[in-house]
Amino acid sequence: MKMIKLKKQIMVLAAAIGLATAASGVAVAATTGETVAAATGEAAAISQLEVRFGDNGTAFTLKLEDNDTAAAIKKHVGTADWRLPIYHYDDYDHWEEMQYYDISRRYEIPSVDAKTVTSEKAGEVYYSHPNRIILFYEDAEVTGEYTKIGEIEATDDFKKAVKDNPVLRGWGNKIVQIKSVK
């Protein structure tokens, strides 16, 4: 009986030591300005997504901003890859410079950091409430209430991939895929 009681006390003590060690690691990360992810070496995996234009397009890296909007998008894409339709690709103002993709309303995405933006660079990616991603593939001067969520390197290959994204036969729209980086 005493042996069982002693084993329980040892287990409780070991658990307490483990929790204290974990808490001190988080506290050290907090006081040095590191995130928990950075302290554990997960920073690179947290800060980017993979984007493809069309079903078989080349993969491009979307480097995410450090804000709640980008984090929510990253979290939702982490649970299920997104395959978003582009319903309008050549019949709206500034279609020669940008594309927009509607996200299902089942995803809650905060946009508390929205700012009036008047000038965008090729490769910049924004969120626009409610549930729309705006991608600039050319430099532009478009005014909108946007939250910057990231950036894709604006290479010639990137611009060509966006422009040459094929219209899906039978659907009449284009597709963009967004996935977690593995």
Protein backbone atom coordinates (compact mmCIF):
# COMPACT_ATOMS: atom_id res chain seq x y z
CA MET A 1 0.00 0.00 0.00
CA LYS A 2 2.82 2.38 0.90
CA MET A 3 4.54 1.50 -2.39
CA ILE A 4 1.49 2.55 -4.44
CA LYS A 5 1.21 5.83 -2.51
CA LEU A 6 4.92 6.51 -3.05
CA LYS A 7 4.58 5.84 -6.83
CA LYS A 8 1.67 8.29 -7.03
CA GLN A 9 3.68 10.96 -5.24
CA ILE A 10 6.62 10.43 -7.61
CA MET A 11 4.30 10.71 -10.64
CA VAL A 12 2.77 13.95 -9.32
CA LEU A 13 6.23 15.37 -8.63
CA ALA A 14 7.46 14.41 -12.13
CA ALA A 15 4.40 16.04 -13.73
CA ALA A 16 4.93 19.22 -11.70
CA ILE A 17 8.59 19.40 -12.74
CA GLY A 18 7.62 18.87 -16.39
CA LEU A 19 5.03 21.65 -16.27
CA ALA A 20 7.44 24.01 -14.54
CA THR A 21 10.09 23.34 -17.19
CA ALA A 22 7.62 23.95 -20.02
CA ALA A 23 6.36 27.15 -18.40
CA SER A 24 9.88 28.49 -17.93
CA GLY A 25 10.64 27.83 -21.61
CA VAL A 26 7.59 29.87 -22.64
CA ALA A 27 8.53 32.62 -20.18
CA VAL A 28 12.07 32.79 -21.59
CA ALA A 29 10.68 33.01 -25.13
CA ALA A 30 8.31 35.78 -24.06
CA THR A 31 11.00 37.85 -22.33
CA THR A 32 13.40 37.54 -25.28
CA GLY A 33 10.72 38.54 -27.78
CA GLU A 34 10.52 35.13 -29.42
CA THR A 35 7.27 33.43 -30.24
CA VAL A 36 6.70 29.95 -28.88
CA ALA A 37 6.94 28.65 -32.46
CA ALA A 38 10.31 30.35 -32.99
CA ALA A 39 11.56 29.03 -29.66
CA THR A 40 10.70 25.52 -30.73
CA GLY A 41 12.13 25.90 -34.26
CA GLU A 42 8.77 25.97 -36.08
CA ALA A 43 8.97 29.54 -37.42
CA ALA A 44 9.61 28.67 -41.08
CA ALA A 45 6.66 26.29 -41.29
CA ILE A 46 4.29 28.82 -39.73
CA SER A 47 5.08 31.78 -41.98
CA GLN A 48 4.23 30.57 -45.48
CA LEU A 49 1.69 28.89 -47.74
CA GLU A 50 1.91 27.32 -51.20
CA VAL A 51 -0.12 28.88 -54.04
CA ARG A 52 -0.81 27.35 -57.48
CA PHE A 53 -2.72 28.90 -60.35
CA GLY A 54 -4.81 26.20 -62.03
CA ASP A 55 -4.99 22.54 -61.15
CA ASN A 56 -1.48 21.72 -62.40
CA GLY A 57 0.28 25.05 -61.97
CA THR A 58 3.73 25.74 -60.61
CA ALA A 59 3.92 26.23 -56.85
CA PHE A 60 4.74 29.70 -55.53
CA THR A 61 5.50 30.58 -51.91
CA LEU A 62 3.25 33.08 -50.16
CA LYS A 63 5.26 34.56 -47.27
CA LEU A 64 2.76 35.56 -44.61
CA GLU A 65 2.64 38.74 -42.57
CA ASP A 66 2.67 38.57 -38.78
CA ASN A 67 -0.95 39.54 -38.08
CA ASP A 68 -4.20 37.92 -36.91
CA THR A 69 -5.71 37.86 -40.40
CA ALA A 70 -2.80 35.94 -41.93
CA ALA A 71 -2.72 33.61 -38.91
CA ALA A 72 -6.43 32.81 -39.30
CA ILE A 73 -6.00 32.06 -43.00
CA LYS A 74 -2.97 29.86 -42.25
CA LYS A 75 -4.98 28.02 -39.58
CA HIS A 76 -7.95 27.38 -41.89
CA VAL A 77 -5.75 26.27 -44.80
CA GLY A 78 -3.99 23.94 -42.35
CA THR A 79 -7.25 22.09 -41.74
CA ALA A 80 -8.20 21.77 -45.44
CA ASP A 81 -6.42 22.94 -48.60
CA TRP A 82 -8.30 25.68 -50.42
CA ARG A 83 -9.33 25.45 -54.06
CA LEU A 84 -10.86 28.84 -54.72
CA PRO A 85 -12.70 29.83 -57.90
CA ILE A 86 -12.01 33.07 -59.73
CA TYR A 87 -15.45 33.96 -61.07
CA HIS A 88 -14.46 37.29 -62.60
CA TYR A 89 -11.07 37.46 -64.24
CA ASP A 90 -11.42 39.95 -67.09
CA ASP A 91 -14.55 42.03 -66.54
CA TYR A 92 -13.91 44.33 -63.56
CA ASP A 93 -11.84 47.45 -62.86
CA HIS A 94 -8.10 46.71 -62.59
CA TRP A 95 -8.34 43.11 -63.83
CA GLU A 96 -5.05 43.71 -65.69
CA GLU A 97 -3.30 44.21 -62.32
CA MET A 98 -5.12 42.08 -59.76
CA GLN A 99 -7.33 39.05 -59.19
CA TYR A 100 -9.64 38.31 -56.31
CA TYR A 101 -10.73 35.01 -54.82
CA ASP A 102 -13.80 34.50 -52.66
CA ILE A 103 -13.34 32.41 -49.51
CA SER A 104 -16.24 30.38 -48.13
CA ARG A 105 -18.10 32.30 -45.43
CA ARG A 106 -17.82 29.29 -43.11
CA TYR A 107 -14.30 30.52 -42.30
CA GLU A 108 -14.15 33.33 -39.78
CA ILE A 109 -11.32 35.67 -40.65
CA PRO A 110 -10.64 38.80 -38.58
CA SER A 111 -9.73 42.03 -40.36
CA VAL A 112 -9.04 44.39 -37.47
CA ASP A 113 -5.81 45.59 -39.13
CA ALA A 114 -7.55 46.84 -42.30
CA LYS A 115 -6.13 50.09 -43.62
CA THR A 116 -6.87 52.29 -46.59
CA VAL A 117 -4.38 51.19 -49.21
CA THR A 118 -3.85 53.26 -52.38
CA SER A 119 -0.76 51.74 -53.98
CA GLU A 120 0.20 48.08 -54.32
CA LYS A 121 3.25 46.24 -55.63
CA ALA A 122 3.17 43.15 -57.81
CA GLY A 123 3.12 40.06 -55.59
CA GLU A 124 1.35 41.67 -52.63
CA VAL A 125 -1.61 39.73 -51.24
CA TYR A 126 -4.37 41.34 -49.19
CA TYR A 127 -7.53 40.32 -47.37
CA SER A 128 -10.69 42.34 -47.94
CA HIS A 129 -13.72 41.93 -45.70
CA PRO A 130 -15.90 39.92 -46.12
CA ASN A 131 -13.85 36.84 -47.04
CA ARG A 132 -11.97 37.87 -50.16
CA ILE A 133 -8.30 37.51 -51.05
CA ILE A 134 -6.90 40.18 -53.39
CA LEU A 135 -3.70 39.33 -55.31
CA PHE A 136 -1.79 42.00 -57.22
CA TYR A 137 0.28 40.56 -60.06
CA GLU A 138 1.24 43.98 -61.44
CA ASP A 139 2.01 47.24 -59.65
CA ALA A 140 -1.25 49.14 -59.19
CA GLU A 141 -2.95 52.16 -57.70
CA VAL A 142 -6.21 50.77 -56.34
CA THR A 143 -7.89 52.25 -53.27
CA GLY A 144 -9.44 49.81 -50.82
CA GLU A 145 -9.75 48.80 -47.18
CA TYR A 146 -7.26 45.92 -47.06
CA THR A 147 -5.23 43.93 -44.57
CA LYS A 148 -1.91 42.78 -46.02
CA ILE A 149 -1.58 39.04 -45.47
CA GLY A 150 1.58 38.32 -47.42
CA GLU A 151 3.69 38.51 -50.50
CA ILE A 152 4.75 36.29 -53.39
CA GLU A 153 8.01 37.08 -55.16
CA ALA A 154 6.92 38.96 -58.30
CA THR A 155 9.03 37.08 -60.84
CA ASP A 156 8.20 36.88 -64.55
CA ASP A 157 7.18 33.23 -63.99
CA PHE A 158 4.73 34.29 -61.28
CA LYS A 159 3.14 36.99 -63.45
CA LYS A 160 2.89 34.57 -66.39
CA ALA A 161 1.31 31.87 -64.18
CA VAL A 162 -1.39 34.27 -62.98
CA LYS A 163 -2.12 35.62 -66.48
CA ASP A 164 -2.05 32.18 -68.15
CA ASN A 165 -4.14 30.40 -65.50
CA PRO A 166 -6.49 28.35 -67.70
CA VAL A 167 -10.26 28.65 -67.61
CA LEU A 168 -11.69 25.31 -66.46
CA ARG A 169 -13.57 23.61 -69.25
CA GLY A 170 -17.26 23.42 -68.47
CA TRP A 171 -16.95 25.73 -65.46
CA GLY A 172 -16.20 29.12 -67.03
CA ASN A 173 -13.85 30.18 -64.26
CA LYS A 174 -10.26 29.82 -63.10
CA ILE A 175 -8.94 28.12 -59.93
CA VAL A 176 -6.29 29.06 -57.40
CA GLN A 177 -5.06 26.46 -54.90
CA ILE A 178 -3.68 27.39 -51.48
CA LYS A 179 -2.02 24.74 -49.33
CA SER A 180 0.07 24.46 -46.20
CA VAL A 181 3.79 24.09 -46.76
CA LYS A 182 4.79 20.59 -45.69
